[in-house]
Amino acid sequence: MNKNYIVDSTYKGIRIDKWIRNNLGKVPQALIEKNLRIGKIKLNKKKTKSSTKLNTNDVINTYDLKFHINLIQKKIKFNPSNEVIKENESLIIDNNENFIVVNKKSGISVQGGTKSKKNLIDIFIKSSIFENSKPYSVHRLDKDTSGVFIIAKNRDTAQLLTSLFRLRKIHKTYLAICYGELNTQKGIFDHDLVRFDGSKKIVEKSKTLFKVIDKNSNCTLLEMNPITGRKHQLRKQLSNIGHPIYGDDKYTNDKKLKTKNKELMLHSYIIKFMINNKKYTYKALLPDYFKKLIKTKRLKFLD
């Protein structure tokens, strides 16, 4: 069966392969490349490459597209209770006509997926705050990372904020507590990070500015400003230098360090950006468990 899909403004400037994964299913990159190459997927009825960036009202054409049923898994919808909605509304830092800013709790995903059920978008779509609109996710924040998160209220704002993130005009500051004592007081993490899309190995450049706030022989509290935006960038970079983040079982190789801390000690602390010459700065206060570890480890920090 042939199908046509019209690209809305939310995906303006986004690569077609990302659109395919978000709208047609979690498909391996190699399979996307193959279907584009043989013309099973076209853009405006013309063959195109996976790196092609989309425009609003572009038409994506599919022709008898049959991905293996195991490769496409439907996202699980989450139906929040009123209690859950109110709980997350209480975490709002700012609520204006174009977007809200939330101090996201650790353990909740931004969007639903094949593995994640409870998520912010499904929660806020049921909130009275979005009664005459819908929530748009404009950036990423790991499920286990807490802190500042922005949700747009309309497509135009979503498009604008997405562009600002892509152009690196939104500046983020993270706080983390990692194992061991960093020798350098400040500098830049400059690493080639490896990830896999199916069996395909992908190497990506990553850069993060860092500054040590306090440290001792057991751990380090540091501030980080990512320049690039790779998946799990900060977690991978600290693991690469032998100082994994507390609570990060995924990137902690030493079995002795695993499961000692339940929560991931990574917090999106501050976001700064400018729209129409107006400066926006948002700070998310640290979670209690983060403050407790700072105190337990005798680290100094003024929130």
Protein backbone atom coordinates (compact mmCIF):
# COMPACT_ATOMS: atom_id res chain seq x y z
CA MET A 1 0.00 0.00 0.00
CA ASN A 2 1.27 3.47 -0.94
CA LYS A 3 1.06 6.25 1.67
CA ASN A 4 1.88 9.95 1.73
CA TYR A 5 2.81 11.93 4.84
CA ILE A 6 2.88 15.72 5.07
CA VAL A 7 5.72 17.14 7.18
CA ASP A 8 4.53 19.64 9.79
CA SER A 9 6.58 22.58 11.09
CA THR A 10 7.81 20.59 14.10
CA TYR A 11 10.16 18.68 11.79
CA LYS A 12 11.46 21.61 9.75
CA GLY A 13 15.24 21.25 9.48
CA ILE A 14 15.21 17.67 10.81
CA ARG A 15 16.84 14.85 8.81
CA ILE A 16 14.48 12.51 6.97
CA ASP A 17 15.94 9.43 8.70
CA LYS A 18 15.04 10.91 12.09
CA TRP A 19 11.50 11.63 10.83
CA ILE A 20 11.21 8.00 9.71
CA ARG A 21 12.26 6.68 13.13
CA ASN A 22 9.88 9.04 14.93
CA ASN A 23 6.88 8.38 12.69
CA LEU A 24 7.26 4.96 11.08
CA GLY A 25 8.96 3.02 13.85
CA LYS A 26 12.30 2.25 15.46
CA VAL A 27 13.98 1.12 12.25
CA PRO A 28 17.74 0.38 11.93
CA GLN A 29 19.69 2.97 9.93
CA ALA A 30 20.81 0.37 7.39
CA LEU A 31 17.19 -0.51 6.58
CA ILE A 32 16.27 3.17 6.21
CA GLU A 33 19.22 3.67 3.84
CA LYS A 34 18.19 0.65 1.78
CA ASN A 35 14.57 1.76 1.37
CA LEU A 36 15.63 5.27 0.40
CA ARG A 37 18.15 3.88 -2.09
CA ILE A 38 15.66 1.58 -3.85
CA GLY A 39 12.91 4.21 -3.85
CA LYS A 40 10.56 2.60 -1.34
CA ILE A 41 10.71 5.92 0.51
CA LYS A 42 10.86 9.18 -1.45
CA LEU A 43 10.70 12.89 -0.68
CA ASN A 44 8.29 14.85 -2.87
CA LYS A 45 8.26 11.82 -5.21
CA LYS A 46 12.03 11.96 -5.73
CA LYS A 47 14.77 9.72 -4.38
CA THR A 48 16.76 11.30 -1.59
CA LYS A 49 19.50 10.60 0.96
CA SER A 50 19.04 9.91 4.67
CA SER A 51 20.84 13.16 5.55
CA THR A 52 18.36 15.35 3.64
CA LYS A 53 16.74 17.96 5.88
CA LEU A 54 13.00 18.47 5.71
CA ASN A 55 10.89 21.57 5.15
CA THR A 56 7.34 22.28 6.31
CA ASN A 57 4.74 20.75 3.94
CA ASP A 58 7.24 18.40 2.31
CA VAL A 59 5.59 15.13 1.35
CA ILE A 60 7.19 11.81 2.28
CA ASN A 61 6.03 9.05 -0.06
CA THR A 62 6.17 5.37 0.85
CA TYR A 63 5.60 2.55 -1.63
CA ASP A 64 4.59 -0.91 -0.35
CA LEU A 65 6.77 -0.36 2.66
CA LYS A 66 6.96 -3.51 4.75
CA PHE A 67 9.37 -3.36 7.65
CA HIS A 68 9.72 -6.54 9.67
CA ILE A 69 7.08 -6.53 12.42
CA ASN A 70 9.75 -6.92 15.13
CA LEU A 71 11.49 -3.75 13.99
CA ILE A 72 8.47 -1.47 14.37
CA GLN A 73 7.10 -1.30 17.87
CA LYS A 74 4.27 1.03 18.75
CA LYS A 75 4.89 3.65 21.40
CA ILE A 76 3.12 2.95 24.65
CA LYS A 77 0.62 5.64 25.60
CA PHE A 78 0.55 6.69 29.23
CA ASN A 79 -2.73 7.68 30.83
CA PRO A 80 -1.82 9.78 33.90
CA SER A 81 -3.95 10.07 37.01
CA ASN A 82 -4.99 13.52 38.27
CA GLU A 83 -2.51 13.08 41.10
CA VAL A 84 0.38 12.55 38.64
CA ILE A 85 -0.73 15.55 36.55
CA LYS A 86 -0.88 17.82 39.62
CA GLU A 87 2.47 16.52 40.87
CA ASN A 88 4.19 17.46 37.60
CA GLU A 89 2.37 20.79 37.34
CA SER A 90 3.85 21.65 40.74
CA LEU A 91 7.33 21.30 39.20
CA ILE A 92 6.75 24.11 36.68
CA ILE A 93 9.31 26.91 36.93
CA ASP A 94 7.69 29.18 34.33
CA ASN A 95 4.43 29.10 32.39
CA ASN A 96 3.95 31.65 29.60
CA GLU A 97 1.90 31.83 26.41
CA ASN A 98 4.51 29.98 24.32
CA PHE A 99 6.17 27.41 26.57
CA ILE A 100 6.53 25.98 30.04
CA VAL A 101 9.74 25.21 31.91
CA VAL A 102 9.76 22.23 34.27
CA ASN A 103 12.19 20.94 36.86
CA LYS A 104 11.95 17.35 35.61
CA LYS A 105 12.23 14.59 38.16
CA SER A 106 14.68 11.73 37.70
CA GLY A 107 13.07 8.49 36.51
CA ILE A 108 10.56 9.97 34.07
CA SER A 109 11.00 10.02 30.30
CA VAL A 110 10.36 13.05 28.13
CA GLN A 111 8.40 11.09 25.53
CA GLY A 112 6.79 7.67 25.43
CA GLY A 113 8.55 4.86 23.62
CA THR A 114 8.65 1.13 23.20
CA LYS A 115 10.19 0.74 26.67
CA SER A 116 9.14 3.92 28.47
CA LYS A 117 5.55 4.42 29.50
CA LYS A 118 5.36 7.27 32.02
CA ASN A 119 6.45 10.46 30.26
CA LEU A 120 6.07 14.24 30.43
CA ILE A 121 4.36 14.73 27.05
CA ASP A 122 1.54 12.27 27.83
CA ILE A 123 1.16 13.84 31.27
CA PHE A 124 0.96 17.46 30.13
CA ILE A 125 -1.31 16.71 27.16
CA LYS A 126 -3.94 15.95 29.83
CA SER A 127 -3.14 19.08 31.86
CA SER A 128 -5.45 22.12 31.81
CA ILE A 129 -2.35 24.16 30.96
CA PHE A 130 -2.50 22.67 27.45
CA GLU A 131 -6.29 22.74 27.19
CA ASN A 132 -6.23 24.85 24.01
CA SER A 133 -2.90 23.63 22.67
CA LYS A 134 -0.63 20.60 22.77
CA PRO A 135 2.82 19.97 24.27
CA TYR A 136 5.82 19.83 21.93
CA SER A 137 9.16 18.38 23.00
CA VAL A 138 11.98 20.58 21.70
CA HIS A 139 15.08 18.95 23.21
CA ARG A 140 16.29 15.85 25.03
CA LEU A 141 16.91 14.99 28.65
CA ASP A 142 17.71 11.44 29.74
CA LYS A 143 15.09 9.59 31.76
CA ASP A 144 17.35 9.47 34.83
CA THR A 145 18.64 13.04 34.50
CA SER A 146 16.77 15.67 36.51
CA GLY A 147 16.44 19.39 35.94
CA VAL A 148 15.44 22.14 33.52
CA PHE A 149 13.27 21.04 30.63
CA ILE A 150 11.31 23.15 28.13
CA ILE A 151 7.99 22.14 26.52
CA ALA A 152 6.56 24.33 23.75
CA LYS A 153 2.84 25.14 23.53
CA ASN A 154 2.58 25.66 19.77
CA ARG A 155 4.30 24.64 16.55
CA ASP A 156 5.89 28.02 15.85
CA THR A 157 7.57 28.13 19.25
CA ALA A 158 8.56 24.46 18.95
CA GLN A 159 10.17 25.18 15.60
CA LEU A 160 11.97 28.24 16.96
CA LEU A 161 13.31 26.53 20.07
CA THR A 162 14.33 23.42 18.12
CA SER A 163 16.31 25.67 15.76
CA LEU A 164 17.98 27.48 18.66
CA PHE A 165 19.05 24.16 20.18
CA ARG A 166 20.34 22.95 16.81
CA LEU A 167 22.30 26.19 16.27
CA ARG A 168 23.72 25.92 19.81
CA LYS A 169 22.17 29.22 20.85
CA ILE A 170 20.65 27.71 23.97
CA HIS A 171 23.31 27.36 26.66
CA LYS A 172 22.99 24.58 29.22
CA THR A 173 24.79 24.05 32.51
CA TYR A 174 24.79 20.64 34.19
CA LEU A 175 25.95 19.57 37.63
CA ALA A 176 27.34 16.12 38.30
CA ILE A 177 28.98 14.17 41.09
CA CYS A 178 31.48 11.65 39.78
CA TYR A 179 33.69 9.02 41.37
CA GLY A 180 37.25 9.96 42.22
CA GLU A 181 39.20 13.20 42.23
CA LEU A 182 39.65 15.05 38.94
CA ASN A 183 43.23 16.29 38.62
CA THR A 184 42.38 19.25 36.37
CA GLN A 185 40.42 22.17 37.80
CA LYS A 186 38.87 23.22 34.49
CA GLY A 187 39.17 22.46 30.79
CA ILE A 188 37.38 20.75 27.93
CA PHE A 189 36.35 17.15 27.36
CA ASP A 190 37.05 16.48 23.68
CA HIS A 191 36.18 12.90 22.75
CA ASP A 192 35.13 10.72 19.84
CA LEU A 193 32.05 8.93 21.15
CA VAL A 194 30.93 5.61 19.70
CA ARG A 195 27.34 4.47 19.33
CA PHE A 196 25.67 1.74 17.30
CA ASP A 197 22.61 1.90 15.06
CA GLY A 198 21.87 -1.79 14.74
CA SER A 199 25.20 -3.26 13.61
CA LYS A 200 26.44 0.05 12.18
CA LYS A 201 29.17 1.75 14.22
CA ILE A 202 28.89 5.54 14.37
CA VAL A 203 31.66 7.80 15.70
CA GLU A 204 30.69 11.32 16.77
CA LYS A 205 32.78 14.29 17.92
CA SER A 206 31.83 15.65 21.34
CA LYS A 207 32.97 18.68 23.32
CA THR A 208 32.09 19.84 26.83
CA LEU A 209 33.52 22.65 28.94
CA PHE A 210 33.95 21.70 32.59
CA LYS A 211 34.89 23.31 35.89
CA VAL A 212 35.42 21.61 39.25
CA ILE A 213 33.30 23.15 42.02
CA ASP A 214 34.68 21.01 44.86
CA LYS A 215 36.45 17.69 45.25
CA ASN A 216 38.12 15.27 47.60
CA SER A 217 39.84 11.91 47.28
CA ASN A 218 36.49 10.11 46.92
CA CYS A 219 34.51 12.23 44.48
CA THR A 220 34.21 15.44 42.46
CA LEU A 221 31.35 17.91 42.07
CA LEU A 222 31.64 19.60 38.71
CA GLU A 223 29.84 21.99 36.40
CA MET A 224 29.60 21.13 32.70
CA ASN A 225 28.57 23.12 29.63
CA PRO A 226 28.08 20.86 26.60
CA ILE A 227 29.04 22.40 23.27
CA THR A 228 27.80 19.46 21.21
CA GLY A 229 24.65 17.49 21.97
CA ARG A 230 25.37 13.78 21.65
CA LYS A 231 23.28 11.10 23.30
CA HIS A 232 24.50 10.42 26.85
CA GLN A 233 27.41 12.76 26.08
CA LEU A 234 28.30 13.83 29.63
CA ARG A 235 27.89 10.34 31.03
CA LYS A 236 30.10 8.80 28.34
CA GLN A 237 32.78 11.48 28.61
CA LEU A 238 33.19 11.11 32.37
CA SER A 239 33.23 7.35 32.03
CA ASN A 240 35.91 7.65 29.31
CA ILE A 241 38.28 9.46 31.69
CA GLY A 242 37.68 6.94 34.48
CA HIS A 243 35.33 9.08 36.57
CA PRO A 244 31.79 7.75 35.98
CA ILE A 245 28.84 9.59 37.49
CA TYR A 246 27.36 8.30 40.73
CA GLY A 247 24.33 6.12 40.00
CA ASP A 248 25.26 5.51 36.35
CA ASP A 249 25.31 1.72 36.07
CA LYS A 250 25.22 1.88 32.27
CA TYR A 251 28.61 3.58 31.94
CA THR A 252 30.30 2.28 35.11
CA ASN A 253 32.62 -0.62 34.37
CA ASP A 254 33.76 -1.23 37.96
CA LYS A 255 31.28 -3.66 39.52
CA LYS A 256 32.19 -2.38 43.00
CA LEU A 257 30.78 1.04 42.11
CA LYS A 258 27.52 -0.19 40.61
CA THR A 259 24.18 0.10 42.45
CA LYS A 260 25.79 1.97 45.36
CA ASN A 261 23.66 4.95 44.43
CA LYS A 262 20.11 4.54 43.16
CA GLU A 263 19.73 7.96 41.54
CA LEU A 264 21.85 9.33 38.73
CA MET A 265 23.79 12.34 40.04
CA LEU A 266 23.39 14.40 36.88
CA HIS A 267 21.23 17.53 36.96
CA SER A 268 20.31 20.02 34.24
CA TYR A 269 20.90 23.11 36.38
CA ILE A 270 20.59 26.21 34.18
CA ILE A 271 19.34 27.05 30.68
CA LYS A 272 19.93 30.43 29.03
CA PHE A 273 18.74 31.74 25.66
CA MET A 274 17.46 34.83 23.90
CA ILE A 275 14.31 35.40 21.81
CA ASN A 276 13.63 38.77 20.13
CA ASN A 277 16.35 40.43 22.22
CA LYS A 278 14.77 39.19 25.46
CA LYS A 279 16.99 37.11 27.72
CA TYR A 280 15.61 34.00 29.41
CA THR A 281 17.42 32.28 32.27
CA TYR A 282 15.99 29.33 34.18
CA LYS A 283 17.51 27.50 37.15
CA ALA A 284 16.26 24.17 38.53
CA LEU A 285 16.96 23.61 42.22
CA LEU A 286 18.78 20.42 43.11
CA PRO A 287 16.78 17.34 44.15
CA ASP A 288 16.98 16.38 47.84
CA TYR A 289 18.95 13.20 47.10
CA PHE A 290 21.57 15.27 45.23
CA LYS A 291 21.89 17.70 48.17
CA LYS A 292 22.14 14.76 50.57
CA LEU A 293 25.08 13.22 48.69
CA ILE A 294 26.85 16.59 48.56
CA LYS A 295 26.50 16.78 52.34
CA THR A 296 27.43 13.13 52.91
CA LYS A 297 30.57 13.49 50.79
CA ARG A 298 31.43 16.79 52.49
CA LEU A 299 31.42 18.77 49.27
CA LYS A 300 30.82 22.52 49.18
CA PHE A 301 28.12 24.05 46.97
CA LEU A 302 25.85 27.07 47.25
CA ASP A 303 22.60 26.39 45.37
